[in-house]
């Protein structure tokens, strides 16, 4: 599933780095912390690898 916004893609990248042991889990905040706990490495990789070009910075909640 591709990321819907730049913010979602960045949060997935941070969670993926922690999942792989490249960053400490304690450095995660907000959405990235939730993603780390609820998503697999494969799911995070799919979100994090989404191209950012043409994506909005944020998407309104509920969409």
C-alpha atoms as a PDB file:
ATOM      1  CA  UNK A   1       0.000   0.000   0.000  1.00  0.00           C
ATOM      2  CA  UNK A   2       1.553   3.327  -0.990  1.00  0.00           C
ATOM      3  CA  UNK A   3       1.802   6.259   1.411  1.00  0.00           C
ATOM      4  CA  UNK A   4      -0.884   8.918   0.997  1.00  0.00           C
ATOM      5  CA  UNK A   5       1.293  11.833   2.145  1.00  0.00           C
ATOM      6  CA  UNK A   6       4.888  12.879   2.653  1.00  0.00           C
ATOM      7  CA  UNK A   7       4.390  12.837   6.425  1.00  0.00           C
ATOM      8  CA  UNK A   8       3.140   9.239   6.350  1.00  0.00           C
ATOM      9  CA  UNK A   9       6.096   8.189   4.193  1.00  0.00           C
ATOM     10  CA  UNK A  10       8.581   9.859   6.559  1.00  0.00           C
ATOM     11  CA  UNK A  11       6.984   8.290   9.641  1.00  0.00           C
ATOM     12  CA  UNK A  12       7.128   4.861   8.011  1.00  0.00           C
ATOM     13  CA  UNK A  13      10.818   5.417   7.215  1.00  0.00           C
ATOM     14  CA  UNK A  14      11.580   6.271  10.827  1.00  0.00           C
ATOM     15  CA  UNK A  15       9.670   3.221  12.095  1.00  0.00           C
ATOM     16  CA  UNK A  16      11.427   0.997   9.556  1.00  0.00           C
ATOM     17  CA  UNK A  17      14.853   2.236  10.664  1.00  0.00           C
ATOM     18  CA  UNK A  18      13.985   1.390  14.270  1.00  0.00           C
ATOM     19  CA  UNK A  19      12.584  -2.012  13.276  1.00  0.00           C
ATOM     20  CA  UNK A  20      15.871  -2.800  11.491  1.00  0.00           C
ATOM     21  CA  UNK A  21      17.923  -1.639  14.492  1.00  0.00           C
ATOM     22  CA  UNK A  22      19.398   1.355  12.664  1.00  0.00           C
ATOM     23  CA  UNK A  23      17.799   3.834  15.089  1.00  0.00           C
ATOM     24  CA  UNK A  24      16.784   3.400  18.740  1.00  0.00           C
ATOM     25  CA  UNK A  25      13.111   2.651  19.358  1.00  0.00           C
ATOM     26  CA  UNK A  26      13.136   5.336  22.055  1.00  0.00           C
ATOM     27  CA  UNK A  27      13.652   8.008  19.361  1.00  0.00           C
ATOM     28  CA  UNK A  28      10.221   7.315  17.833  1.00  0.00           C
ATOM     29  CA  UNK A  29       7.285   9.641  18.496  1.00  0.00           C
ATOM     30  CA  UNK A  30       3.659   9.871  17.435  1.00  0.00           C
ATOM     31  CA  UNK A  31       2.686   8.077  14.247  1.00  0.00           C
ATOM     32  CA  UNK A  32       6.052   6.414  13.737  1.00  0.00           C
ATOM     33  CA  UNK A  33       5.834   4.831  17.204  1.00  0.00           C
ATOM     34  CA  UNK A  34       2.380   3.448  16.417  1.00  0.00           C
ATOM     35  CA  UNK A  35       3.565   2.158  13.048  1.00  0.00           C
ATOM     36  CA  UNK A  36       6.555   0.435  14.671  1.00  0.00           C
ATOM     37  CA  UNK A  37       4.281  -1.446  17.046  1.00  0.00           C
ATOM     38  CA  UNK A  38       1.483  -2.357  14.638  1.00  0.00           C
ATOM     39  CA  UNK A  39       3.132  -2.999  11.261  1.00  0.00           C
ATOM     40  CA  UNK A  40       5.525  -5.602   9.902  1.00  0.00           C
ATOM     41  CA  UNK A  41       8.892  -4.712   8.391  1.00  0.00           C
ATOM     42  CA  UNK A  42       7.508  -5.548   4.939  1.00  0.00           C
ATOM     43  CA  UNK A  43       4.521  -3.219   5.383  1.00  0.00           C
ATOM     44  CA  UNK A  44       6.777  -0.419   6.619  1.00  0.00           C
ATOM     45  CA  UNK A  45       9.133  -0.946   3.686  1.00  0.00           C
ATOM     46  CA  UNK A  46       6.236  -0.596   1.234  1.00  0.00           C
ATOM     47  CA  UNK A  47       5.101   2.671   2.819  1.00  0.00           C
ATOM     48  CA  UNK A  48       8.606   4.084   3.200  1.00  0.00           C
ATOM     49  CA  UNK A  49       9.581   3.311  -0.391  1.00  0.00           C
ATOM     50  CA  UNK A  50       6.686   5.339  -1.847  1.00  0.00           C
ATOM     51  CA  UNK A  51       7.852   8.201  -4.057  1.00  0.00           C
ATOM     52  CA  UNK A  52       7.152  11.602  -2.495  1.00  0.00           C
ATOM     53  CA  UNK A  53       6.756  13.545  -5.735  1.00  0.00           C
ATOM     54  CA  UNK A  54       3.192  14.792  -6.112  1.00  0.00           C
ATOM     55  CA  UNK A  55       2.166  13.803  -2.597  1.00  0.00           C
ATOM     56  CA  UNK A  56       0.633  16.373  -0.234  1.00  0.00           C
ATOM     57  CA  UNK A  57       2.555  17.116   2.973  1.00  0.00           C
ATOM     58  CA  UNK A  58      -0.421  15.926   5.067  1.00  0.00           C
ATOM     59  CA  UNK A  59      -3.809  14.341   4.396  1.00  0.00           C
ATOM     60  CA  UNK A  60      -6.851  15.338   6.411  1.00  0.00           C
ATOM     61  CA  UNK A  61      -7.983  12.739   8.949  1.00  0.00           C
ATOM     62  CA  UNK A  62     -10.798  10.514   7.800  1.00  0.00           C
ATOM     63  CA  UNK A  63      -9.590  10.201   4.198  1.00  0.00           C
END
